[in-house]
Amino acid sequence: MDGRTRANIAPGMEVRIVLKRDQQTGKLTQGVVKEILTHSPTHPHGIKVRLQDGQVGRVKEIVSKT
């Protein structure tokens, strides 16, 4: 699924995000969405979310819809 469309993402979903500090390398961090931070319906670099562990980044991959 596409991490650039807000409608595809919901709290509780497992996703892979790129953190601000990892944008150069593209390293992905996996976690569960706690909160969606992007208000617009789409974003070219991915929807910004806060994970349950507090990390913030842009969604690159959706792992599962649990």
C-alpha atoms as a PDB file:
ATOM      1  CA  MET A   1       0.000   0.000   0.000  1.00  0.00           C
ATOM      2  CA  ASP A   2       1.000   3.576  -0.571  1.00  0.00           C
ATOM      3  CA  GLY A   3       2.450   5.518   2.364  1.00  0.00           C
ATOM      4  CA  ARG A   4       1.862   8.806   0.533  1.00  0.00           C
ATOM      5  CA  THR A   5      -1.940   8.702   0.953  1.00  0.00           C
ATOM      6  CA  ARG A   6      -3.390   9.572   4.358  1.00  0.00           C
ATOM      7  CA  ALA A   7      -6.505   7.421   3.825  1.00  0.00           C
ATOM      8  CA  ASN A   8      -4.314   4.283   3.676  1.00  0.00           C
ATOM      9  CA  ILE A   9      -2.913   4.864   7.180  1.00  0.00           C
ATOM     10  CA  ALA A  10      -4.639   4.499  10.546  1.00  0.00           C
ATOM     11  CA  PRO A  11      -3.548   4.262  14.187  1.00  0.00           C
ATOM     12  CA  GLY A  12      -2.663   0.694  15.126  1.00  0.00           C
ATOM     13  CA  MET A  13      -1.189  -0.188  11.738  1.00  0.00           C
ATOM     14  CA  GLU A  14       2.344  -1.559  11.506  1.00  0.00           C
ATOM     15  CA  VAL A  15       4.477   0.558   9.167  1.00  0.00           C
ATOM     16  CA  ARG A  16       8.061   1.259   8.161  1.00  0.00           C
ATOM     17  CA  ILE A  17       9.090   4.904   8.356  1.00  0.00           C
ATOM     18  CA  VAL A  18      12.187   6.910   7.536  1.00  0.00           C
ATOM     19  CA  LEU A  19      13.290   9.130  10.416  1.00  0.00           C
ATOM     20  CA  LYS A  20      14.582  12.656   9.726  1.00  0.00           C
ATOM     21  CA  ARG A  21      18.119  11.622  10.713  1.00  0.00           C
ATOM     22  CA  ASP A  22      17.956   8.620   8.339  1.00  0.00           C
ATOM     23  CA  GLN A  23      16.747  10.475   5.236  1.00  0.00           C
ATOM     24  CA  GLN A  24      20.243  10.471   3.694  1.00  0.00           C
ATOM     25  CA  THR A  25      20.681   6.698   4.065  1.00  0.00           C
ATOM     26  CA  GLY A  26      17.035   5.686   3.614  1.00  0.00           C
ATOM     27  CA  LYS A  27      17.205   3.394   6.673  1.00  0.00           C
ATOM     28  CA  LEU A  28      13.702   2.271   7.682  1.00  0.00           C
ATOM     29  CA  THR A  29      12.349   1.948  11.217  1.00  0.00           C
ATOM     30  CA  GLN A  30       9.404  -0.367  11.872  1.00  0.00           C
ATOM     31  CA  GLY A  31       6.696   0.345  14.413  1.00  0.00           C
ATOM     32  CA  VAL A  32       3.000   0.811  15.142  1.00  0.00           C
ATOM     33  CA  VAL A  33       1.258   4.110  14.306  1.00  0.00           C
ATOM     34  CA  LYS A  34       0.069   6.043  17.343  1.00  0.00           C
ATOM     35  CA  GLU A  35      -0.877   9.315  15.633  1.00  0.00           C
ATOM     36  CA  ILE A  36      -1.047  10.744  12.103  1.00  0.00           C
ATOM     37  CA  LEU A  37       0.665  14.147  11.956  1.00  0.00           C
ATOM     38  CA  THR A  38       0.128  15.117   8.292  1.00  0.00           C
ATOM     39  CA  HIS A  39      -3.187  16.915   7.745  1.00  0.00           C
ATOM     40  CA  SER A  40      -3.242  16.954   3.934  1.00  0.00           C
ATOM     41  CA  PRO A  41      -4.718  13.924   2.107  1.00  0.00           C
ATOM     42  CA  THR A  42      -1.410  13.158   0.320  1.00  0.00           C
ATOM     43  CA  HIS A  43       2.278  14.016   0.628  1.00  0.00           C
ATOM     44  CA  PRO A  44       4.944  13.210  -2.005  1.00  0.00           C
ATOM     45  CA  HIS A  45       7.503  12.016   0.589  1.00  0.00           C
ATOM     46  CA  GLY A  46       5.077  10.028   2.746  1.00  0.00           C
ATOM     47  CA  ILE A  47       2.569  10.784   5.474  1.00  0.00           C
ATOM     48  CA  LYS A  48       4.234  11.899   8.727  1.00  0.00           C
ATOM     49  CA  VAL A  49       3.305   9.771  11.746  1.00  0.00           C
ATOM     50  CA  ARG A  50       4.274   9.285  15.393  1.00  0.00           C
ATOM     51  CA  LEU A  51       4.931   5.691  16.385  1.00  0.00           C
ATOM     52  CA  GLN A  52       3.872   4.217  19.732  1.00  0.00           C
ATOM     53  CA  ASP A  53       7.483   4.507  20.935  1.00  0.00           C
ATOM     54  CA  GLY A  54       7.447   8.269  20.184  1.00  0.00           C
ATOM     55  CA  GLN A  55       9.583   8.297  17.028  1.00  0.00           C
ATOM     56  CA  VAL A  56       8.389  10.550  14.186  1.00  0.00           C
ATOM     57  CA  GLY A  57       8.933   9.951  10.489  1.00  0.00           C
ATOM     58  CA  ARG A  58       7.361   9.567   7.061  1.00  0.00           C
ATOM     59  CA  VAL A  59       5.668   6.304   6.054  1.00  0.00           C
ATOM     60  CA  LYS A  60       7.495   4.447   3.282  1.00  0.00           C
ATOM     61  CA  GLU A  61       5.833   1.027   3.616  1.00  0.00           C
ATOM     62  CA  ILE A  62       2.692  -0.349   5.226  1.00  0.00           C
ATOM     63  CA  VAL A  63       3.448  -3.734   6.800  1.00  0.00           C
ATOM     64  CA  SER A  64       0.021  -4.738   8.124  1.00  0.00           C
ATOM     65  CA  LYS A  65      -3.437  -3.326   8.798  1.00  0.00           C
ATOM     66  CA  THR A  66      -3.868  -4.661  12.351  1.00  0.00           C
END
